[in-house]
Amino acid sequence: MVEADQQHHFRPRLVHNLEAMQDIGRGLATRLDAGDILCLHGELGAGKSALARAIITGLCRDIDDIPSPTFTLVQPYLAKSGFEVWHLDLYRFDREEEVLALGIEEAFFEACCLIEWPDRIKTLLPDSAMHLYLGFGADEESRILSLSISDDLAENEPPNDAPNGAPNDAQKKLASWLADILDQ
């Protein structure tokens, strides 16, 4: 297990296939709660929706169909614990003002938010938002998980770090969770 003062040393991890990604999502679901914001960064096809579906499956009551919110923009669900889970796909948005109409600021405090394409609202995101970067691995099925942007992942997306370059508390929390899940 990773010690609290070592959390910022979380290395990018290879995820071999969809099943392994789903395991990570189910593990994250046991830790996420109302008020948590998980931003999923990555190119088209990197696995953002697959990871979000696994998290939703773990958090919510029996759900047969978990569609991508690409066209609906937001898909709300009810978690087993009674709070809402918002799955947002912001790919189609050009301006932050458009996203505000969805009521996202209220959801940041009352719901667990899973946000694909969070770069569309970077100035609206609270410091408590956690950022997970997904990139392509060496083969068609593998992916790379990271807590910060690297040359191997999508370009032009800065990590959510403090001004001095140190990971903020949200990233440290996510690093700890991922280390626990991946080291099991």
N, C-alpha and C. Protein backbone atom coordinates (compact mmCIF):
# COMPACT_ATOMS: atom_id res chain seq x y z
N MET A 1 0.84 -1.18 0.00
CA MET A 1 0.00 0.00 0.00
C MET A 1 0.89 1.25 0.00
N VAL A 2 0.41 2.30 -0.64
CA VAL A 2 1.18 3.54 -0.76
C VAL A 2 0.94 4.39 0.48
N GLU A 3 1.99 4.88 1.08
CA GLU A 3 1.89 5.76 2.24
C GLU A 3 1.41 7.13 1.79
N ALA A 4 0.76 7.86 2.70
CA ALA A 4 0.17 9.16 2.36
C ALA A 4 1.19 10.13 1.79
N ASP A 5 2.41 10.16 2.33
CA ASP A 5 3.39 11.12 1.83
C ASP A 5 4.06 10.67 0.55
N GLN A 6 3.74 9.47 0.08
CA GLN A 6 4.34 8.96 -1.15
C GLN A 6 3.34 8.93 -2.30
N GLN A 7 2.11 9.40 -2.08
CA GLN A 7 1.06 9.27 -3.07
C GLN A 7 1.39 9.96 -4.38
N HIS A 8 2.14 11.04 -4.32
CA HIS A 8 2.43 11.78 -5.54
C HIS A 8 3.39 11.03 -6.44
N HIS A 9 3.87 9.87 -6.02
CA HIS A 9 4.79 9.07 -6.83
C HIS A 9 4.07 7.99 -7.61
N PHE A 10 2.74 8.06 -7.72
CA PHE A 10 1.98 7.08 -8.48
C PHE A 10 2.47 7.10 -9.92
N ARG A 11 2.96 5.97 -10.40
CA ARG A 11 3.48 5.86 -11.76
C ARG A 11 2.34 5.53 -12.72
N PRO A 12 2.45 5.94 -13.97
CA PRO A 12 1.46 5.49 -14.95
C PRO A 12 1.40 3.96 -14.95
N ARG A 13 0.19 3.43 -15.06
CA ARG A 13 0.00 1.98 -15.00
C ARG A 13 -0.63 1.48 -16.29
N LEU A 14 -0.16 0.34 -16.73
CA LEU A 14 -0.71 -0.32 -17.90
C LEU A 14 -1.95 -1.11 -17.49
N VAL A 15 -3.04 -0.93 -18.21
CA VAL A 15 -4.27 -1.69 -18.02
C VAL A 15 -4.39 -2.57 -19.26
N HIS A 16 -4.35 -3.87 -19.07
CA HIS A 16 -4.20 -4.79 -20.19
C HIS A 16 -5.43 -4.92 -21.09
N ASN A 17 -6.63 -4.75 -20.52
CA ASN A 17 -7.83 -4.97 -21.33
C ASN A 17 -9.06 -4.35 -20.67
N LEU A 18 -10.20 -4.47 -21.33
CA LEU A 18 -11.44 -3.89 -20.85
C LEU A 18 -11.83 -4.47 -19.49
N GLU A 19 -11.64 -5.75 -19.30
CA GLU A 19 -11.99 -6.38 -18.03
C GLU A 19 -11.19 -5.76 -16.88
N ALA A 20 -9.92 -5.53 -17.09
CA ALA A 20 -9.08 -4.90 -16.07
C ALA A 20 -9.53 -3.46 -15.81
N MET A 21 -9.94 -2.74 -16.85
CA MET A 21 -10.45 -1.38 -16.69
C MET A 21 -11.74 -1.40 -15.88
N GLN A 22 -12.59 -2.38 -16.14
CA GLN A 22 -13.83 -2.51 -15.38
C GLN A 22 -13.56 -2.81 -13.91
N ASP A 23 -12.54 -3.61 -13.63
CA ASP A 23 -12.16 -3.89 -12.25
C ASP A 23 -11.74 -2.61 -11.53
N ILE A 24 -10.99 -1.77 -12.22
CA ILE A 24 -10.57 -0.49 -11.65
C ILE A 24 -11.79 0.39 -11.38
N GLY A 25 -12.71 0.43 -12.33
CA GLY A 25 -13.93 1.21 -12.16
C GLY A 25 -14.75 0.74 -10.97
N ARG A 26 -14.89 -0.58 -10.81
CA ARG A 26 -15.64 -1.10 -9.66
C ARG A 26 -14.91 -0.76 -8.35
N GLY A 27 -13.59 -0.78 -8.38
CA GLY A 27 -12.82 -0.40 -7.20
C GLY A 27 -13.00 1.06 -6.84
N LEU A 28 -13.00 1.92 -7.85
CA LEU A 28 -13.23 3.34 -7.60
C LEU A 28 -14.64 3.58 -7.06
N ALA A 29 -15.60 2.79 -7.53
CA ALA A 29 -16.99 2.95 -7.09
C ALA A 29 -17.13 2.73 -5.59
N THR A 30 -16.30 1.91 -5.00
CA THR A 30 -16.39 1.66 -3.55
C THR A 30 -15.85 2.84 -2.75
N ARG A 31 -15.20 3.76 -3.41
CA ARG A 31 -14.58 4.89 -2.72
C ARG A 31 -15.26 6.23 -3.02
N LEU A 32 -15.90 6.35 -4.17
CA LEU A 32 -16.53 7.62 -4.55
C LEU A 32 -17.79 7.88 -3.75
N ASP A 33 -18.09 9.15 -3.55
CA ASP A 33 -19.23 9.55 -2.74
C ASP A 33 -19.80 10.86 -3.30
N ALA A 34 -20.91 11.30 -2.74
CA ALA A 34 -21.50 12.58 -3.13
C ALA A 34 -20.46 13.68 -2.91
N GLY A 35 -20.35 14.58 -3.87
CA GLY A 35 -19.38 15.67 -3.80
C GLY A 35 -18.05 15.35 -4.46
N ASP A 36 -17.83 14.09 -4.81
CA ASP A 36 -16.60 13.72 -5.53
C ASP A 36 -16.77 14.01 -7.01
N ILE A 37 -15.72 14.53 -7.61
CA ILE A 37 -15.71 14.85 -9.04
C ILE A 37 -14.51 14.13 -9.65
N LEU A 38 -14.78 13.22 -10.57
CA LEU A 38 -13.72 12.49 -11.25
C LEU A 38 -13.73 12.90 -12.72
N CYS A 39 -12.67 13.57 -13.13
CA CYS A 39 -12.51 14.04 -14.50
C CYS A 39 -11.72 13.01 -15.28
N LEU A 40 -12.29 12.57 -16.39
CA LEU A 40 -11.68 11.54 -17.22
C LEU A 40 -11.16 12.18 -18.50
N HIS A 41 -9.84 12.22 -18.63
CA HIS A 41 -9.18 12.83 -19.78
C HIS A 41 -8.69 11.74 -20.73
N GLY A 42 -8.68 12.04 -22.01
CA GLY A 42 -8.12 11.12 -22.99
C GLY A 42 -8.76 11.33 -24.35
N GLU A 43 -8.09 10.79 -25.34
CA GLU A 43 -8.58 10.92 -26.70
C GLU A 43 -9.82 10.06 -26.91
N LEU A 44 -10.49 10.24 -28.05
CA LEU A 44 -11.61 9.39 -28.41
C LEU A 44 -11.16 7.94 -28.40
N GLY A 45 -11.95 7.09 -27.76
CA GLY A 45 -11.64 5.66 -27.74
C GLY A 45 -10.64 5.24 -26.68
N ALA A 46 -10.23 6.17 -25.82
CA ALA A 46 -9.21 5.83 -24.81
C ALA A 46 -9.77 5.03 -23.63
N GLY A 47 -11.09 4.98 -23.49
CA GLY A 47 -11.69 4.19 -22.42
C GLY A 47 -12.41 4.98 -21.35
N LYS A 48 -12.65 6.26 -21.59
CA LYS A 48 -13.33 7.10 -20.61
C LYS A 48 -14.74 6.58 -20.31
N SER A 49 -15.50 6.30 -21.35
CA SER A 49 -16.88 5.82 -21.16
C SER A 49 -16.90 4.44 -20.53
N ALA A 50 -15.99 3.57 -20.92
CA ALA A 50 -15.94 2.23 -20.34
C ALA A 50 -15.66 2.29 -18.85
N LEU A 51 -14.73 3.16 -18.45
CA LEU A 51 -14.42 3.31 -17.04
C LEU A 51 -15.61 3.91 -16.30
N ALA A 52 -16.23 4.92 -16.87
CA ALA A 52 -17.41 5.54 -16.24
C ALA A 52 -18.53 4.52 -16.07
N ARG A 53 -18.78 3.69 -17.07
CA ARG A 53 -19.83 2.66 -16.97
C ARG A 53 -19.54 1.70 -15.82
N ALA A 54 -18.30 1.29 -15.68
CA ALA A 54 -17.95 0.37 -14.60
C ALA A 54 -18.15 1.02 -13.24
N ILE A 55 -17.81 2.30 -13.12
CA ILE A 55 -18.03 3.02 -11.87
C ILE A 55 -19.52 3.11 -11.57
N ILE A 56 -20.32 3.47 -12.57
CA ILE A 56 -21.77 3.59 -12.40
C ILE A 56 -22.36 2.24 -12.01
N THR A 57 -21.92 1.18 -12.64
CA THR A 57 -22.41 -0.16 -12.30
C THR A 57 -22.11 -0.48 -10.84
N GLY A 58 -20.94 -0.09 -10.36
CA GLY A 58 -20.58 -0.34 -8.98
C GLY A 58 -21.32 0.53 -7.98
N LEU A 59 -21.61 1.77 -8.36
CA LEU A 59 -22.26 2.71 -7.46
C LEU A 59 -23.77 2.56 -7.37
N CYS A 60 -24.39 2.12 -8.45
CA CYS A 60 -25.85 2.20 -8.56
C CYS A 60 -26.53 0.84 -8.48
N ARG A 61 -27.82 0.93 -8.29
CA ARG A 61 -28.66 -0.28 -8.28
C ARG A 61 -28.62 -0.90 -9.66
N ASP A 62 -29.22 -2.05 -9.78
CA ASP A 62 -29.20 -2.77 -11.05
C ASP A 62 -29.61 -1.88 -12.21
N ILE A 63 -28.70 -1.72 -13.13
CA ILE A 63 -28.95 -0.92 -14.32
C ILE A 63 -28.63 -1.79 -15.53
N ASP A 64 -29.59 -1.93 -16.42
CA ASP A 64 -29.39 -2.77 -17.60
C ASP A 64 -28.62 -2.05 -18.70
N ASP A 65 -28.89 -0.75 -18.84
CA ASP A 65 -28.29 -0.02 -19.95
C ASP A 65 -27.66 1.27 -19.41
N ILE A 66 -26.39 1.47 -19.72
CA ILE A 66 -25.71 2.70 -19.33
C ILE A 66 -25.19 3.34 -20.62
N PRO A 67 -26.04 4.17 -21.23
CA PRO A 67 -25.63 4.79 -22.50
C PRO A 67 -24.60 5.89 -22.27
N SER A 68 -23.82 6.13 -23.30
CA SER A 68 -22.90 7.26 -23.25
C SER A 68 -23.71 8.53 -23.34
N PRO A 69 -23.39 9.53 -22.54
CA PRO A 69 -24.14 10.78 -22.60
C PRO A 69 -23.67 11.72 -23.72
N THR A 70 -23.09 11.16 -24.78
CA THR A 70 -22.58 11.99 -25.87
C THR A 70 -23.67 12.88 -26.44
N PHE A 71 -24.88 12.36 -26.60
CA PHE A 71 -25.96 13.15 -27.19
C PHE A 71 -26.90 13.74 -26.14
N THR A 72 -27.04 13.07 -24.99
CA THR A 72 -27.90 13.60 -23.93
C THR A 72 -27.14 14.58 -23.04
N LEU A 73 -25.83 14.59 -23.12
CA LEU A 73 -24.92 15.47 -22.41
C LEU A 73 -24.72 15.09 -20.94
N VAL A 74 -25.81 14.72 -20.27
CA VAL A 74 -25.70 14.26 -18.89
C VAL A 74 -26.69 13.11 -18.68
N GLN A 75 -26.21 12.08 -18.00
CA GLN A 75 -27.06 10.95 -17.62
C GLN A 75 -27.01 10.87 -16.10
N PRO A 76 -28.12 11.14 -15.43
CA PRO A 76 -28.13 11.01 -13.96
C PRO A 76 -28.56 9.60 -13.55
N TYR A 77 -28.00 9.13 -12.45
CA TYR A 77 -28.32 7.82 -11.89
C TYR A 77 -28.47 8.00 -10.38
N LEU A 78 -29.12 7.05 -9.74
CA LEU A 78 -29.26 7.07 -8.29
C LEU A 78 -28.35 6.00 -7.70
N ALA A 79 -27.42 6.41 -6.87
CA ALA A 79 -26.50 5.48 -6.22
C ALA A 79 -27.24 4.69 -5.15
N LYS A 80 -26.71 3.53 -4.84
CA LYS A 80 -27.27 2.69 -3.78
C LYS A 80 -27.35 3.46 -2.47
N SER A 81 -26.43 4.36 -2.24
CA SER A 81 -26.37 5.14 -1.00
C SER A 81 -27.35 6.32 -0.99
N GLY A 82 -28.04 6.57 -2.10
CA GLY A 82 -29.07 7.61 -2.14
C GLY A 82 -28.67 8.90 -2.81
N PHE A 83 -27.40 9.11 -3.14
CA PHE A 83 -27.01 10.34 -3.82
C PHE A 83 -27.06 10.13 -5.34
N GLU A 84 -27.08 11.25 -6.06
CA GLU A 84 -27.09 11.16 -7.53
C GLU A 84 -25.68 10.98 -8.06
N VAL A 85 -25.59 10.29 -9.17
CA VAL A 85 -24.35 10.15 -9.93
C VAL A 85 -24.62 10.78 -11.28
N TRP A 86 -23.82 11.77 -11.63
CA TRP A 86 -23.95 12.42 -12.93
C TRP A 86 -22.81 11.98 -13.82
N HIS A 87 -23.16 11.43 -14.98
CA HIS A 87 -22.16 11.10 -16.00
C HIS A 87 -22.32 12.13 -17.11
N LEU A 88 -21.29 12.96 -17.27
CA LEU A 88 -21.34 14.05 -18.25
C LEU A 88 -20.34 13.82 -19.36
N ASP A 89 -20.76 14.05 -20.58
CA ASP A 89 -19.86 14.02 -21.73
C ASP A 89 -19.92 15.42 -22.34
N LEU A 90 -18.85 16.16 -22.18
CA LEU A 90 -18.83 17.57 -22.59
C LEU A 90 -18.20 17.80 -23.96
N TYR A 91 -18.01 16.74 -24.71
CA TYR A 91 -17.33 16.82 -26.00
C TYR A 91 -17.97 17.84 -26.93
N ARG A 92 -19.29 17.93 -26.92
CA ARG A 92 -20.01 18.79 -27.85
C ARG A 92 -20.10 20.25 -27.43
N PHE A 93 -19.59 20.57 -26.26
CA PHE A 93 -19.66 21.95 -25.77
C PHE A 93 -18.45 22.75 -26.22
N ASP A 94 -18.73 24.00 -26.58
CA ASP A 94 -17.66 24.92 -26.97
C ASP A 94 -17.36 25.94 -25.89
N ARG A 95 -18.40 26.30 -25.11
CA ARG A 95 -18.24 27.37 -24.12
C ARG A 95 -18.70 26.88 -22.75
N GLU A 96 -18.00 27.31 -21.73
CA GLU A 96 -18.33 26.92 -20.36
C GLU A 96 -19.75 27.36 -19.98
N GLU A 97 -20.17 28.50 -20.49
CA GLU A 97 -21.49 29.02 -20.16
C GLU A 97 -22.59 28.03 -20.54
N GLU A 98 -22.39 27.27 -21.61
CA GLU A 98 -23.37 26.29 -22.05
C GLU A 98 -23.53 25.18 -21.01
N VAL A 99 -22.45 24.81 -20.37
CA VAL A 99 -22.47 23.74 -19.37
C VAL A 99 -23.18 24.18 -18.10
N LEU A 100 -23.06 25.45 -17.76
CA LEU A 100 -23.72 25.96 -16.55
C LEU A 100 -25.23 25.75 -16.59
N ALA A 101 -25.82 25.76 -17.77
CA ALA A 101 -27.26 25.56 -17.92
C ALA A 101 -27.70 24.17 -17.46
N LEU A 102 -26.77 23.23 -17.38
CA LEU A 102 -27.10 21.88 -16.94
C LEU A 102 -27.25 21.79 -15.42
N GLY A 103 -26.85 22.82 -14.70
CA GLY A 103 -26.89 22.79 -13.24
C GLY A 103 -25.68 22.10 -12.63
N ILE A 104 -24.59 22.14 -13.35
CA ILE A 104 -23.40 21.41 -12.93
C ILE A 104 -22.79 21.91 -11.63
N GLU A 105 -22.87 23.22 -11.38
CA GLU A 105 -22.27 23.75 -10.15
C GLU A 105 -22.94 23.17 -8.90
N GLU A 106 -24.23 23.00 -8.95
CA GLU A 106 -24.95 22.38 -7.84
C GLU A 106 -24.59 20.91 -7.72
N ALA A 107 -24.46 20.25 -8.86
CA ALA A 107 -24.11 18.82 -8.86
C ALA A 107 -22.73 18.58 -8.25
N PHE A 108 -21.81 19.53 -8.40
CA PHE A 108 -20.48 19.38 -7.83
C PHE A 108 -20.53 19.11 -6.32
N PHE A 109 -21.55 19.63 -5.66
CA PHE A 109 -21.64 19.49 -4.20
C PHE A 109 -22.59 18.38 -3.77
N GLU A 110 -23.60 18.09 -4.59
CA GLU A 110 -24.64 17.16 -4.18
C GLU A 110 -24.54 15.78 -4.82
N ALA A 111 -23.84 15.67 -5.91
CA ALA A 111 -23.76 14.42 -6.65
C ALA A 111 -22.31 13.98 -6.79
N CYS A 112 -22.13 12.77 -7.21
CA CYS A 112 -20.82 12.30 -7.65
C CYS A 112 -20.79 12.54 -9.16
N CYS A 113 -19.82 13.30 -9.64
CA CYS A 113 -19.76 13.65 -11.06
C CYS A 113 -18.62 12.92 -11.75
N LEU A 114 -18.95 12.24 -12.83
CA LEU A 114 -17.97 11.60 -13.71
C LEU A 114 -17.98 12.42 -15.00
N ILE A 115 -16.88 13.09 -15.30
CA ILE A 115 -16.88 14.06 -16.39
C ILE A 115 -15.89 13.66 -17.48
N GLU A 116 -16.43 13.39 -18.67
CA GLU A 116 -15.59 13.16 -19.84
C GLU A 116 -15.40 14.50 -20.54
N TRP A 117 -14.22 14.74 -21.06
CA TRP A 117 -13.84 15.99 -21.73
C TRP A 117 -13.91 17.17 -20.76
N PRO A 118 -13.34 17.05 -19.57
CA PRO A 118 -13.42 18.13 -18.59
C PRO A 118 -12.65 19.38 -18.98
N ASP A 119 -11.80 19.29 -19.98
CA ASP A 119 -11.07 20.47 -20.43
C ASP A 119 -12.01 21.56 -20.94
N ARG A 120 -13.24 21.19 -21.27
CA ARG A 120 -14.23 22.16 -21.75
C ARG A 120 -14.68 23.11 -20.64
N ILE A 121 -14.46 22.71 -19.36
CA ILE A 121 -14.93 23.53 -18.24
C ILE A 121 -13.82 23.72 -17.19
N LYS A 122 -12.59 23.78 -17.62
CA LYS A 122 -11.49 23.78 -16.65
C LYS A 122 -11.55 24.92 -15.64
N THR A 123 -12.08 26.08 -16.00
CA THR A 123 -12.14 27.16 -15.02
C THR A 123 -13.33 27.02 -14.07
N LEU A 124 -14.27 26.16 -14.39
CA LEU A 124 -15.42 25.92 -13.51
C LEU A 124 -15.15 24.82 -12.49
N LEU A 125 -14.17 23.99 -12.75
CA LEU A 125 -13.91 22.84 -11.87
C LEU A 125 -13.33 23.29 -10.53
N PRO A 126 -13.89 22.78 -9.44
CA PRO A 126 -13.31 23.11 -8.14
C PRO A 126 -11.96 22.41 -7.95
N ASP A 127 -11.16 22.91 -7.03
CA ASP A 127 -9.86 22.30 -6.74
C ASP A 127 -9.99 20.87 -6.26
N SER A 128 -11.16 20.51 -5.75
CA SER A 128 -11.38 19.16 -5.23
C SER A 128 -11.58 18.13 -6.34
N ALA A 129 -11.64 18.56 -7.58
CA ALA A 129 -11.82 17.62 -8.70
C ALA A 129 -10.57 16.75 -8.84
N MET A 130 -10.81 15.46 -9.06
CA MET A 130 -9.73 14.51 -9.30
C MET A 130 -9.60 14.30 -10.80
N HIS A 131 -8.38 14.16 -11.30
CA HIS A 131 -8.14 14.03 -12.73
C HIS A 131 -7.41 12.73 -13.03
N LEU A 132 -8.01 11.95 -13.93
CA LEU A 132 -7.43 10.68 -14.35
C LEU A 132 -7.25 10.73 -15.86
N TYR A 133 -6.04 10.42 -16.31
CA TYR A 133 -5.70 10.50 -17.73
C TYR A 133 -5.60 9.09 -18.30
N LEU A 134 -6.28 8.85 -19.43
CA LEU A 134 -6.25 7.56 -20.09
C LEU A 134 -5.59 7.72 -21.45
N GLY A 135 -4.68 6.84 -21.74
CA GLY A 135 -4.00 6.86 -23.03
C GLY A 135 -3.97 5.45 -23.62
N PHE A 136 -3.54 5.36 -24.84
CA PHE A 136 -3.47 4.08 -25.53
C PHE A 136 -2.19 3.35 -25.17
N GLY A 137 -2.31 2.04 -24.99
CA GLY A 137 -1.15 1.20 -24.73
C GLY A 137 -0.53 0.72 -26.02
N ALA A 138 0.35 -0.25 -25.91
CA ALA A 138 1.10 -0.76 -27.06
C ALA A 138 0.23 -1.58 -28.01
N ASP A 139 -0.81 -2.21 -27.49
CA ASP A 139 -1.69 -2.98 -28.37
C ASP A 139 -3.10 -2.40 -28.34
N GLU A 140 -3.97 -2.96 -29.15
CA GLU A 140 -5.31 -2.41 -29.34
C GLU A 140 -6.15 -2.38 -28.07
N GLU A 141 -5.97 -3.35 -27.19
CA GLU A 141 -6.81 -3.45 -26.00
C GLU A 141 -6.24 -2.76 -24.77
N SER A 142 -4.95 -2.51 -24.72
CA SER A 142 -4.35 -1.96 -23.51
C SER A 142 -4.47 -0.43 -23.45
N ARG A 143 -4.50 0.05 -22.21
CA ARG A 143 -4.57 1.48 -21.96
C ARG A 143 -3.56 1.83 -20.86
N ILE A 144 -3.24 3.11 -20.76
CA ILE A 144 -2.34 3.60 -19.73
C ILE A 144 -3.12 4.57 -18.85
N LEU A 145 -3.08 4.36 -17.54
CA LEU A 145 -3.70 5.26 -16.58
C LEU A 145 -2.62 6.11 -15.94
N SER A 146 -2.89 7.40 -15.83
CA SER A 146 -1.92 8.30 -15.21
C SER A 146 -2.66 9.39 -14.46
N LEU A 147 -1.98 9.97 -13.49
CA LEU A 147 -2.56 11.09 -12.75
C LEU A 147 -2.10 12.43 -13.29
N SER A 148 -1.26 12.40 -14.29
CA SER A 148 -0.83 13.64 -14.92
C SER A 148 -0.60 13.37 -16.40
N ILE A 149 -0.57 14.42 -17.14
CA ILE A 149 -0.39 14.31 -18.57
C ILE A 149 1.06 13.95 -18.86
N SER A 150 1.26 13.14 -19.89
CA SER A 150 2.62 12.80 -20.31
C SER A 150 2.64 12.76 -21.83
N ASP A 151 3.81 12.61 -22.39
CA ASP A 151 3.93 12.54 -23.85
C ASP A 151 3.16 11.36 -24.43
N ASP A 152 2.94 10.33 -23.61
CA ASP A 152 2.24 9.14 -24.08
C ASP A 152 0.72 9.33 -24.13
N LEU A 153 0.22 10.39 -23.49
CA LEU A 153 -1.21 10.60 -23.42
C LEU A 153 -1.60 11.82 -24.25
N ALA A 154 -2.85 12.25 -24.09
CA ALA A 154 -3.37 13.37 -24.89
C ALA A 154 -2.56 14.63 -24.63
N GLU A 155 -2.50 15.50 -25.62
CA GLU A 155 -1.74 16.74 -25.50
C GLU A 155 -2.63 17.88 -25.06
N ASN A 156 -2.00 18.94 -24.59
CA ASN A 156 -2.66 20.20 -24.24
C ASN A 156 -3.63 20.11 -23.08
N GLU A 157 -3.43 19.17 -22.15
CA GLU A 157 -4.28 19.09 -20.98
C GLU A 157 -3.38 19.12 -19.75
N PRO A 158 -3.30 20.25 -19.05
CA PRO A 158 -2.43 20.32 -17.88
C PRO A 158 -2.99 19.51 -16.73
N PRO A 159 -2.13 18.91 -15.90
CA PRO A 159 -2.60 18.19 -14.73
C PRO A 159 -3.17 19.17 -13.71
N ASN A 160 -4.00 18.66 -12.83
CA ASN A 160 -4.60 19.50 -11.80
C ASN A 160 -3.67 19.53 -10.59
N ASP A 161 -2.57 20.22 -10.71
CA ASP A 161 -1.58 20.31 -9.64
C ASP A 161 -1.60 21.70 -9.04
N ALA A 162 -1.06 21.79 -7.86
CA ALA A 162 -0.91 23.08 -7.20
C ALA A 162 0.09 23.92 -7.99
N PRO A 163 0.09 25.23 -7.80
CA PRO A 163 0.99 26.11 -8.56
C PRO A 163 2.46 25.73 -8.43
N ASN A 164 2.87 25.15 -7.32
CA ASN A 164 4.27 24.78 -7.16
C ASN A 164 4.62 23.46 -7.85
N GLY A 165 3.65 22.87 -8.54
CA GLY A 165 3.89 21.62 -9.26
C GLY A 165 3.62 20.38 -8.44
N ALA A 166 3.35 20.53 -7.17
CA ALA A 166 3.04 19.38 -6.31
C ALA A 166 1.57 18.98 -6.52
N PRO A 167 1.27 17.70 -6.48
CA PRO A 167 -0.13 17.28 -6.62
C PRO A 167 -0.99 17.86 -5.51
N ASN A 168 -2.22 18.25 -5.85
CA ASN A 168 -3.11 18.77 -4.83
C ASN A 168 -3.71 17.61 -4.03
N ASP A 169 -4.50 17.94 -3.01
CA ASP A 169 -5.07 16.90 -2.14
C ASP A 169 -5.96 15.93 -2.89
N ALA A 170 -6.71 16.44 -3.87
CA ALA A 170 -7.59 15.56 -4.64
C ALA A 170 -6.78 14.52 -5.42
N GLN A 171 -5.69 14.95 -6.03
CA GLN A 171 -4.85 14.00 -6.78
C GLN A 171 -4.18 13.00 -5.84
N LYS A 172 -3.82 13.44 -4.66
CA LYS A 172 -3.22 12.53 -3.68
C LYS A 172 -4.23 11.47 -3.26
N LYS A 173 -5.49 11.90 -3.06
CA LYS A 173 -6.54 10.95 -2.69
C LYS A 173 -6.74 9.92 -3.80
N LEU A 174 -6.82 10.38 -5.04
CA LEU A 174 -7.00 9.48 -6.17
C LEU A 174 -5.80 8.53 -6.31
N ALA A 175 -4.61 9.05 -6.11
CA ALA A 175 -3.41 8.20 -6.18
C ALA A 175 -3.46 7.09 -5.14
N SER A 176 -3.89 7.44 -3.95
CA SER A 176 -4.01 6.44 -2.88
C SER A 176 -5.04 5.38 -3.24
N TRP A 177 -6.19 5.82 -3.74
CA TRP A 177 -7.23 4.88 -4.14
C TRP A 177 -6.73 3.93 -5.23
N LEU A 178 -6.11 4.50 -6.27
CA LEU A 178 -5.65 3.67 -7.37
C LEU A 178 -4.56 2.70 -6.93
N ALA A 179 -3.66 3.16 -6.08
CA ALA A 179 -2.61 2.27 -5.58
C ALA A 179 -3.24 1.10 -4.82
N ASP A 180 -4.23 1.38 -4.00
CA ASP A 180 -4.91 0.31 -3.25
C ASP A 180 -5.59 -0.66 -4.21
N ILE A 181 -6.29 -0.12 -5.20
CA ILE A 181 -7.03 -0.97 -6.15
C ILE A 181 -6.07 -1.81 -6.99
N LEU A 182 -5.02 -1.19 -7.51
CA LEU A 182 -4.11 -1.89 -8.44
C LEU A 182 -3.15 -2.82 -7.73
N ASP A 183 -2.91 -2.59 -6.45
CA ASP A 183 -1.97 -3.45 -5.72
C ASP A 183 -2.65 -4.63 -5.04
N GLN A 184 -3.95 -4.78 -5.22
CA GLN A 184 -4.68 -5.90 -4.60
C GLN A 184 -4.38 -7.19 -5.31
